[in-house]
Amino acid sequence: MTTLAATAPLDLRADFPAIPAGWAYLDTAATSQKPQPVIDAITRGYARDYATVHRGVYQRSADMTLAYEAARRRVARFIGGQEDEIVFVRGATEGINLVAHSWAMTHLRPGDRILLSALEHHSNIVPWQLAAQRTGAAIDVVPLTGDHRIDLDAMASMLTDRHRLVALAHVSNVLGSVLDAKRAAALAHGVGAKILIDGCQAVPRLPVNVADLDCDFYVFSGHKLYGPTGIGVLWARHDLLDAMPPWQGGGSMIDRVTFEQTTYAPPPGRFEAGTPHIVGVTGLHAAIDYVDAIGLDRIHAHESALVQQTRDALASLNSVRLLGPDDSAGIVSFVIQGVHPHDVATILDEGGVAIRAGHHCAQPLMDLLGVTATARASFGVYNGAADIDALVKGIERVTRIFG
């Protein structure tokens, strides 16, 4: 990894071999590119160190088990949790589904209510719809403020003692708006509800401490944190995990199996059935080490500066409508009058600029904004002013082409 002085601007592009010179990768909110230390950790995991975990008594298996569990401790430190509160899952989507299946379907009753917000990703909507359909619960939706944040004042007025669960995004994947998660947790707990925070867009950009936030469940995906795909984390309070039944059966999650009765392992093993994504876990460890070495405060400051530069540049173009608050975290969504976002993205790609175009798995939010899709530029530690210049130049070309 490139060594940086504490006050130097981030200049880490050389750490990312998949980003060639002249390519502006502005789709980090979808998935981050991987730094060389993560690639090296994955390569070592398969080429030199590979063995199964929690099963073999031979030395390499024991060593890999130690590395796997060391990664669990590393994740816990990274987000301020405890080792026995970290469940490895395929990604945030699976983490949310785990909670919806194991906690919600055993705690919700007809007449209970779930509270979501208008900006949630489909992965933080559909699992709760399934749980509500199966339990007789109902879903309420918190509106947004005028600058596209979750309206916590409205949330306070909507909550009742019938609400059992609140599930909100820490950072919107479309708007970049940042939730005051600590206040949201206090509001939820004030009526006796549990709260789940979707941290997919927050963990790569902001310091997160689940103990300080006082939430009950927190989920994130490794591939958005400069780590591998196919690995994610569910953090939950240990007392909640301990009371939750398993949601998948198989190897590793058992204590004792007979045909008459099976007893289950304590958490987190109870929720990790089957052979895990071993190298994904060790790759996630390397990604967290990489991010921590830079410092999340520095990353946030770097991305905030890029967001401000981008918004200032795009605001000068009359045909561009900016979405989200001015202080959005690492994400700028916009629409160009008379041009479909897919056309915007296609023309930008011709100029070596990669952005996301579509509904971003947030169709209810698109309906609220009165659009079918948006164009979205999102930043990572490898981006700089040249990427913004390329983006603006490409958008100017779009406006010329479409008149």
Protein backbone atom coordinates (compact mmCIF):
# COMPACT_ATOMS: atom_id res chain seq x y z
CA MET A 1 0.00 0.00 0.00
CA THR A 2 1.13 3.55 -0.72
CA THR A 3 2.38 5.30 2.44
CA LEU A 4 0.72 8.67 3.09
CA ALA A 5 1.51 11.56 5.37
CA ALA A 6 -1.36 12.35 7.71
CA THR A 7 -2.16 15.67 6.04
CA ALA A 8 -1.45 14.74 2.41
CA PRO A 9 -4.33 14.50 -0.07
CA LEU A 10 -5.25 10.94 -0.93
CA ASP A 11 -3.33 9.63 -3.92
CA LEU A 12 -3.93 5.89 -3.92
CA ARG A 13 -4.72 5.09 -7.53
CA ALA A 14 -1.50 3.11 -7.88
CA ASP A 15 -2.79 0.64 -5.28
CA PHE A 16 -5.63 -0.43 -7.62
CA PRO A 17 -4.40 -2.44 -10.61
CA ALA A 18 -7.86 -2.71 -12.18
CA ILE A 19 -8.03 1.07 -12.76
CA PRO A 20 -5.99 1.89 -15.87
CA ALA A 21 -4.70 5.35 -16.66
CA GLY A 22 -7.36 7.50 -18.24
CA TRP A 23 -10.33 5.61 -16.78
CA ALA A 24 -12.53 7.49 -14.32
CA TYR A 25 -14.23 4.85 -12.18
CA LEU A 26 -17.17 6.59 -10.46
CA ASP A 27 -19.31 3.62 -9.45
CA THR A 28 -17.94 2.80 -6.01
CA ALA A 29 -21.41 2.86 -4.44
CA ALA A 30 -22.19 -0.20 -6.57
CA THR A 31 -18.91 -1.96 -5.84
CA SER A 32 -15.42 -0.77 -4.96
CA GLN A 33 -12.27 -1.64 -6.84
CA LYS A 34 -9.78 -3.79 -4.91
CA PRO A 35 -6.39 -2.61 -3.66
CA GLN A 36 -3.33 -4.77 -4.17
CA PRO A 37 -3.11 -5.83 -0.48
CA VAL A 38 -6.61 -7.34 -0.75
CA ILE A 39 -5.77 -9.05 -4.03
CA ASP A 40 -2.58 -10.42 -2.43
CA ALA A 41 -4.53 -11.71 0.58
CA ILE A 42 -7.01 -13.50 -1.66
CA THR A 43 -4.21 -14.98 -3.76
CA ARG A 44 -2.37 -16.24 -0.66
CA GLY A 45 -5.61 -17.64 0.69
CA TYR A 46 -6.12 -19.86 -2.34
CA ALA A 47 -2.55 -20.44 -3.48
CA ARG A 48 -0.61 -20.98 -0.27
CA ASP A 49 -2.79 -21.07 2.85
CA TYR A 50 -6.04 -22.71 1.77
CA ALA A 51 -7.73 -25.33 3.93
CA THR A 52 -11.13 -25.74 5.51
CA VAL A 53 -11.93 -24.19 8.88
CA HIS A 54 -13.41 -25.50 12.14
CA ARG A 55 -13.00 -29.11 11.03
CA GLY A 56 -9.47 -30.30 10.36
CA VAL A 57 -6.94 -31.16 13.07
CA TYR A 58 -3.99 -30.87 10.68
CA GLN A 59 -1.84 -27.76 10.97
CA ARG A 60 -2.94 -25.87 7.88
CA SER A 61 -6.61 -26.23 8.78
CA ALA A 62 -5.82 -25.04 12.30
CA ASP A 63 -3.92 -22.06 10.91
CA MET A 64 -6.74 -21.14 8.55
CA THR A 65 -9.24 -21.42 11.40
CA LEU A 66 -7.11 -19.04 13.43
CA ALA A 67 -7.01 -16.60 10.51
CA TYR A 68 -10.77 -16.89 10.01
CA GLU A 69 -11.52 -16.13 13.64
CA ALA A 70 -8.90 -13.36 13.71
CA ALA A 71 -10.89 -11.72 10.92
CA ARG A 72 -14.02 -11.91 13.06
CA ARG A 73 -12.20 -10.10 15.87
CA ARG A 74 -10.90 -7.53 13.37
CA VAL A 75 -14.41 -6.80 12.11
CA ALA A 76 -15.65 -6.44 15.68
CA ARG A 77 -12.95 -3.88 16.48
CA PHE A 78 -13.64 -2.03 13.24
CA ILE A 79 -17.28 -1.34 14.11
CA GLY A 80 -17.08 -1.30 17.90
CA GLY A 81 -18.78 -4.63 18.56
CA GLN A 82 -17.82 -7.87 20.28
CA GLU A 83 -16.41 -10.97 18.63
CA ASP A 84 -19.44 -13.13 19.44
CA GLU A 85 -21.75 -10.54 17.86
CA ILE A 86 -20.26 -10.85 14.34
CA VAL A 87 -22.02 -13.18 11.89
CA PHE A 88 -20.43 -13.69 8.48
CA VAL A 89 -22.99 -13.69 5.67
CA ARG A 90 -22.84 -13.36 1.88
CA GLY A 91 -23.60 -9.65 2.04
CA ALA A 92 -25.90 -7.07 3.61
CA THR A 93 -28.86 -8.50 1.72
CA GLU A 94 -28.41 -11.88 3.37
CA GLY A 95 -27.85 -10.21 6.74
CA ILE A 96 -31.17 -8.37 6.49
CA ASN A 97 -32.95 -11.52 5.34
CA LEU A 98 -31.45 -13.42 8.28
CA VAL A 99 -32.89 -10.90 10.74
CA ALA A 100 -36.23 -10.82 8.91
CA HIS A 101 -36.48 -14.60 8.94
CA SER A 102 -35.05 -15.44 12.34
CA TRP A 103 -35.95 -12.44 14.49
CA ALA A 104 -38.94 -10.83 12.81
CA MET A 105 -40.85 -13.98 11.97
CA THR A 106 -40.59 -15.17 15.56
CA HIS A 107 -41.36 -11.82 17.20
CA LEU A 108 -43.96 -10.14 14.99
CA ARG A 109 -47.67 -10.71 15.46
CA PRO A 110 -50.79 -9.52 13.62
CA GLY A 111 -51.22 -5.81 14.27
CA ASP A 112 -47.50 -5.15 14.85
CA ARG A 113 -45.82 -2.56 12.67
CA ILE A 114 -42.48 -2.13 10.88
CA LEU A 115 -41.12 1.31 10.07
CA LEU A 116 -38.99 1.94 6.96
CA SER A 117 -38.08 5.10 5.05
CA ALA A 118 -38.84 6.33 1.56
CA LEU A 119 -35.21 6.05 0.43
CA GLU A 120 -34.48 2.42 1.29
CA HIS A 121 -32.76 -0.02 -1.03
CA HIS A 122 -34.96 -2.90 -2.15
CA SER A 123 -32.91 -5.18 0.12
CA ASN A 124 -34.21 -3.20 3.08
CA ILE A 125 -37.80 -3.29 1.85
CA VAL A 126 -38.61 -6.68 0.34
CA PRO A 127 -37.45 -8.87 3.28
CA TRP A 128 -39.72 -6.86 5.60
CA GLN A 129 -42.62 -7.16 3.16
CA LEU A 130 -42.16 -10.94 3.19
CA ALA A 131 -42.01 -10.97 6.98
CA ALA A 132 -45.09 -8.75 7.23
CA GLN A 133 -47.07 -10.95 4.86
CA ARG A 134 -46.25 -14.05 6.88
CA THR A 135 -46.86 -12.56 10.32
CA GLY A 136 -49.76 -10.16 9.75
CA ALA A 137 -47.64 -7.11 10.53
CA ALA A 138 -47.92 -3.83 8.60
CA ILE A 139 -45.34 -1.44 7.17
CA ASP A 140 -45.17 2.33 7.59
CA VAL A 141 -42.88 4.62 5.59
CA VAL A 142 -41.10 7.69 6.94
CA PRO A 143 -41.03 10.58 4.43
CA LEU A 144 -38.00 12.66 3.47
CA THR A 145 -37.14 16.23 4.27
CA GLY A 146 -36.95 18.85 1.54
CA ASP A 147 -33.20 18.20 1.14
CA HIS A 148 -33.73 14.43 0.81
CA ARG A 149 -32.88 13.17 4.28
CA ILE A 150 -34.92 10.74 6.36
CA ASP A 151 -37.29 12.99 8.31
CA LEU A 152 -36.65 12.03 11.93
CA ASP A 153 -39.16 14.57 13.22
CA ALA A 154 -41.81 12.81 11.13
CA MET A 155 -40.51 9.49 12.40
CA ALA A 156 -40.94 10.66 15.99
CA SER A 157 -44.57 11.54 15.32
CA MET A 158 -45.26 8.25 13.49
CA LEU A 159 -43.84 5.81 16.03
CA THR A 160 -46.27 4.02 18.32
CA ASP A 161 -46.06 1.23 20.85
CA ARG A 162 -47.22 -1.11 18.08
CA HIS A 163 -43.95 -0.66 16.20
CA ARG A 164 -41.62 -3.58 16.79
CA LEU A 165 -38.88 -2.86 14.25
CA VAL A 166 -37.34 0.13 12.49
CA ALA A 167 -35.00 -0.49 9.50
CA LEU A 168 -33.15 2.44 7.94
CA ALA A 169 -30.17 3.15 5.69
CA HIS A 170 -27.23 4.84 7.39
CA VAL A 171 -26.28 6.47 4.06
CA SER A 172 -28.61 6.49 1.06
CA ASN A 173 -27.18 4.63 -1.93
CA VAL A 174 -28.92 7.10 -4.26
CA LEU A 175 -28.79 10.45 -2.46
CA GLY A 176 -25.78 10.08 -0.19
CA SER A 177 -27.78 11.59 2.68
CA VAL A 178 -26.50 10.57 6.11
CA LEU A 179 -28.88 9.40 8.81
CA ASP A 180 -28.52 10.58 12.40
CA ALA A 181 -28.50 6.92 13.39
CA LYS A 182 -28.03 7.61 17.08
CA ARG A 183 -31.17 9.74 17.23
CA ALA A 184 -33.07 7.20 15.12
CA ALA A 185 -32.09 4.45 17.58
CA ALA A 186 -33.20 6.54 20.54
CA LEU A 187 -36.57 7.19 18.88
CA ALA A 188 -37.07 3.50 18.11
CA HIS A 189 -36.11 2.42 21.62
CA GLY A 190 -38.42 5.06 23.05
CA VAL A 191 -41.41 2.98 21.93
CA GLY A 192 -39.76 -0.38 22.62
CA ALA A 193 -38.85 -1.13 18.98
CA LYS A 194 -35.62 -2.67 17.73
CA ILE A 195 -33.65 -0.91 15.01
CA LEU A 196 -31.62 -2.31 12.11
CA ILE A 197 -29.20 -0.05 10.25
CA ASP A 198 -28.13 -0.78 6.68
CA GLY A 199 -24.50 0.36 6.70
CA CYS A 200 -23.47 -0.64 3.16
CA GLN A 201 -22.68 2.93 2.07
CA ALA A 202 -21.61 4.16 5.52
CA VAL A 203 -18.92 1.68 6.55
CA PRO A 204 -16.59 2.49 3.61
CA ARG A 205 -16.96 6.24 4.23
CA LEU A 206 -17.64 7.04 7.87
CA PRO A 207 -16.35 5.87 11.24
CA VAL A 208 -18.99 3.52 12.67
CA ASN A 209 -19.30 2.42 16.28
CA VAL A 210 -22.35 0.28 16.87
CA ALA A 211 -22.11 0.63 20.65
CA ASP A 212 -22.18 4.41 20.37
CA LEU A 213 -25.03 4.33 17.84
CA ASP A 214 -26.96 2.09 20.26
CA CYS A 215 -28.57 0.14 17.41
CA ASP A 216 -29.68 -3.48 17.64
CA PHE A 217 -28.64 -4.82 14.21
CA TYR A 218 -26.11 -3.46 11.71
CA VAL A 219 -25.27 -4.92 8.29
CA PHE A 220 -22.72 -4.21 5.58
CA SER A 221 -21.12 -5.82 2.50
CA GLY A 222 -17.41 -6.46 2.01
CA HIS A 223 -17.31 -5.64 -1.71
CA LYS A 224 -18.27 -2.00 -1.06
CA LEU A 225 -15.45 -1.78 1.51
CA TYR A 226 -12.65 -2.57 -0.98
CA GLY A 227 -13.01 -6.27 -0.08
CA PRO A 228 -14.17 -9.39 -1.93
CA THR A 229 -17.65 -10.10 -3.20
CA GLY A 230 -19.72 -12.77 -1.51
CA ILE A 231 -18.88 -11.77 2.05
CA GLY A 232 -20.70 -9.47 4.43
CA VAL A 233 -21.39 -8.91 8.09
CA LEU A 234 -24.38 -8.94 10.36
CA TRP A 235 -23.67 -7.42 13.75
CA ALA A 236 -26.32 -7.88 16.41
CA ARG A 237 -26.50 -7.56 20.16
CA HIS A 238 -25.49 -10.89 21.63
CA ASP A 239 -28.64 -11.25 23.70
CA LEU A 240 -30.72 -10.90 20.53
CA LEU A 241 -28.61 -13.41 18.61
CA ASP A 242 -28.73 -15.83 21.52
CA ALA A 243 -32.53 -15.78 21.50
CA MET A 244 -32.88 -16.14 17.72
CA PRO A 245 -33.42 -19.56 16.11
CA PRO A 246 -31.20 -20.66 13.20
CA TRP A 247 -32.46 -19.85 9.74
CA GLN A 248 -30.41 -22.42 7.83
CA GLY A 249 -29.48 -25.94 8.86
CA GLY A 250 -26.31 -27.88 8.10
CA GLY A 251 -22.77 -28.37 9.23
CA SER A 252 -21.03 -26.06 11.71
CA MET A 253 -24.20 -24.58 13.20
CA ILE A 254 -24.99 -27.60 15.37
CA ASP A 255 -24.13 -28.76 18.84
CA ARG A 256 -25.51 -32.33 18.64
CA VAL A 257 -27.59 -34.04 15.96
CA THR A 258 -29.79 -37.10 16.41
CA PHE A 259 -32.84 -38.14 14.44
CA GLU A 260 -34.92 -37.39 17.52
CA GLN A 261 -33.59 -33.91 18.25
CA THR A 262 -30.90 -31.44 17.21
CA THR A 263 -29.36 -28.81 19.44
CA TYR A 264 -27.60 -25.78 18.02
CA ALA A 265 -24.30 -24.03 18.49
CA PRO A 266 -24.24 -20.69 20.29
CA PRO A 267 -24.02 -17.54 18.19
CA PRO A 268 -22.43 -16.65 15.90
CA GLY A 269 -21.82 -20.23 14.74
CA ARG A 270 -25.56 -20.96 14.88
CA PHE A 271 -26.03 -18.68 11.88
CA GLU A 272 -23.10 -19.88 9.75
CA ALA A 273 -24.30 -23.17 8.31
CA GLY A 274 -22.03 -25.00 5.89
CA THR A 275 -18.53 -24.29 4.66
CA PRO A 276 -18.06 -20.51 4.80
CA HIS A 277 -16.47 -18.15 2.30
CA ILE A 278 -13.10 -18.64 3.98
CA VAL A 279 -10.95 -16.58 1.64
CA GLY A 280 -13.64 -13.92 1.45
CA VAL A 281 -13.34 -13.50 5.21
CA THR A 282 -9.56 -13.19 5.15
CA GLY A 283 -9.84 -10.82 2.19
CA LEU A 284 -12.26 -8.70 4.21
CA HIS A 285 -9.70 -8.60 7.02
CA ALA A 286 -7.13 -7.21 4.57
CA ALA A 287 -9.63 -4.63 3.29
CA ILE A 288 -10.35 -3.39 6.80
CA ASP A 289 -6.63 -3.13 7.51
CA TYR A 290 -6.24 -1.12 4.30
CA VAL A 291 -9.05 1.30 5.13
CA ASP A 292 -7.97 1.70 8.74
CA ALA A 293 -4.41 2.50 7.67
CA ILE A 294 -5.76 5.42 5.64
CA GLY A 295 -8.28 6.50 8.29
CA LEU A 296 -12.02 6.83 7.80
CA ASP A 297 -11.96 10.48 8.84
CA ARG A 298 -9.51 11.16 5.99
CA ILE A 299 -11.55 9.08 3.56
CA HIS A 300 -14.71 10.97 4.46
CA ALA A 301 -12.98 14.33 4.11
CA HIS A 302 -11.53 13.29 0.74
CA GLU A 303 -14.86 12.10 -0.64
CA SER A 304 -16.73 15.11 0.77
CA ALA A 305 -14.36 17.42 -1.08
CA LEU A 306 -14.94 15.50 -4.32
CA VAL A 307 -18.70 15.65 -3.82
CA GLN A 308 -18.58 19.40 -3.27
CA GLN A 309 -16.43 19.95 -6.35
CA THR A 310 -18.77 17.83 -8.43
CA ARG A 311 -21.94 19.50 -7.19
CA ASP A 312 -20.45 22.95 -7.74
CA ALA A 313 -19.46 22.05 -11.30
CA LEU A 314 -22.79 20.43 -12.20
CA ALA A 315 -24.83 23.21 -10.60
CA SER A 316 -23.48 25.59 -13.25
CA LEU A 317 -25.13 23.52 -16.00
CA ASN A 318 -28.73 24.64 -16.48
CA SER A 319 -29.93 21.29 -17.79
CA VAL A 320 -28.70 19.32 -14.75
CA ARG A 321 -30.90 18.67 -11.70
CA LEU A 322 -28.95 17.64 -8.63
CA LEU A 323 -30.52 15.32 -6.06
CA GLY A 324 -29.68 14.80 -2.41
CA PRO A 325 -28.20 17.19 0.16
CA ASP A 326 -25.13 19.33 -0.43
CA ASP A 327 -23.19 17.37 2.19
CA SER A 328 -23.95 13.94 0.76
CA ALA A 329 -21.42 11.22 1.62
CA GLY A 330 -19.47 10.17 -1.46
CA ILE A 331 -22.45 10.08 -3.84
CA VAL A 332 -23.87 12.55 -6.38
CA SER A 333 -27.07 11.65 -8.22
CA PHE A 334 -28.43 13.81 -10.99
CA VAL A 335 -30.70 13.92 -14.01
CA ILE A 336 -30.23 15.84 -17.26
CA GLN A 337 -33.34 17.39 -18.73
CA GLY A 338 -34.54 15.49 -21.78
CA VAL A 339 -31.86 12.79 -21.59
CA HIS A 340 -32.37 9.31 -20.19
CA PRO A 341 -29.70 8.37 -17.61
CA HIS A 342 -28.78 5.29 -19.65
CA ASP A 343 -27.89 7.56 -22.58
CA VAL A 344 -25.87 9.75 -20.22
CA ALA A 345 -23.94 6.74 -18.94
CA THR A 346 -23.35 5.38 -22.44
CA ILE A 347 -21.91 8.64 -23.73
CA LEU A 348 -19.78 9.05 -20.60
CA ASP A 349 -18.43 5.55 -21.08
CA GLU A 350 -17.28 6.49 -24.56
CA GLY A 351 -15.09 9.08 -22.86
CA GLY A 352 -13.70 6.69 -20.27
CA VAL A 353 -16.03 7.64 -17.41
CA ALA A 354 -17.91 4.86 -15.59
CA ILE A 355 -21.03 5.86 -13.66
CA ARG A 356 -24.23 4.06 -12.65
CA ALA A 357 -27.56 4.74 -14.35
CA GLY A 358 -30.92 3.29 -13.37
CA HIS A 359 -33.22 3.07 -10.39
CA HIS A 360 -30.39 1.84 -8.11
CA CYS A 361 -32.66 -0.78 -6.51
CA ALA A 362 -34.71 2.05 -5.04
CA GLN A 363 -37.84 2.24 -7.18
CA PRO A 364 -40.07 3.72 -4.44
CA LEU A 365 -37.57 6.57 -4.11
CA MET A 366 -37.59 7.10 -7.88
CA ASP A 367 -41.38 7.40 -7.73
CA LEU A 368 -41.07 9.96 -4.93
CA LEU A 369 -38.51 11.98 -6.90
CA GLY A 370 -40.72 11.89 -10.01
CA VAL A 371 -38.15 10.13 -12.20
CA THR A 372 -37.73 6.62 -13.58
CA ALA A 373 -33.96 6.63 -13.10
CA THR A 374 -30.99 8.82 -12.22
CA ALA A 375 -27.34 9.04 -13.16
CA ARG A 376 -25.05 8.50 -10.18
CA ALA A 377 -21.39 9.28 -9.66
CA SER A 378 -19.88 7.80 -6.52
CA PHE A 379 -16.38 8.16 -5.19
CA GLY A 380 -13.67 6.09 -3.56
CA VAL A 381 -10.19 6.57 -2.21
CA TYR A 382 -8.77 6.23 -5.73
CA ASN A 383 -10.66 9.19 -7.21
CA GLY A 384 -9.36 12.70 -7.70
CA ALA A 385 -9.96 16.01 -9.43
CA ALA A 386 -9.10 14.56 -12.84
CA ASP A 387 -12.06 12.19 -12.54
CA ILE A 388 -14.40 15.09 -11.86
CA ASP A 389 -12.99 16.99 -14.83
CA ALA A 390 -13.62 13.96 -17.05
CA LEU A 391 -17.17 13.62 -15.69
CA VAL A 392 -18.02 17.28 -16.30
CA LYS A 393 -16.46 17.23 -19.76
CA GLY A 394 -18.54 14.15 -20.58
CA ILE A 395 -21.76 15.74 -19.33
CA GLU A 396 -21.07 18.85 -21.39
CA ARG A 397 -20.74 16.55 -24.41
CA VAL A 398 -24.08 14.94 -23.51
CA THR A 399 -25.79 18.33 -23.45
CA ARG A 400 -24.27 19.25 -26.81
CA ILE A 401 -25.39 15.97 -28.40
CA PHE A 402 -28.95 16.32 -27.11
CA GLY A 403 -29.15 20.05 -27.65
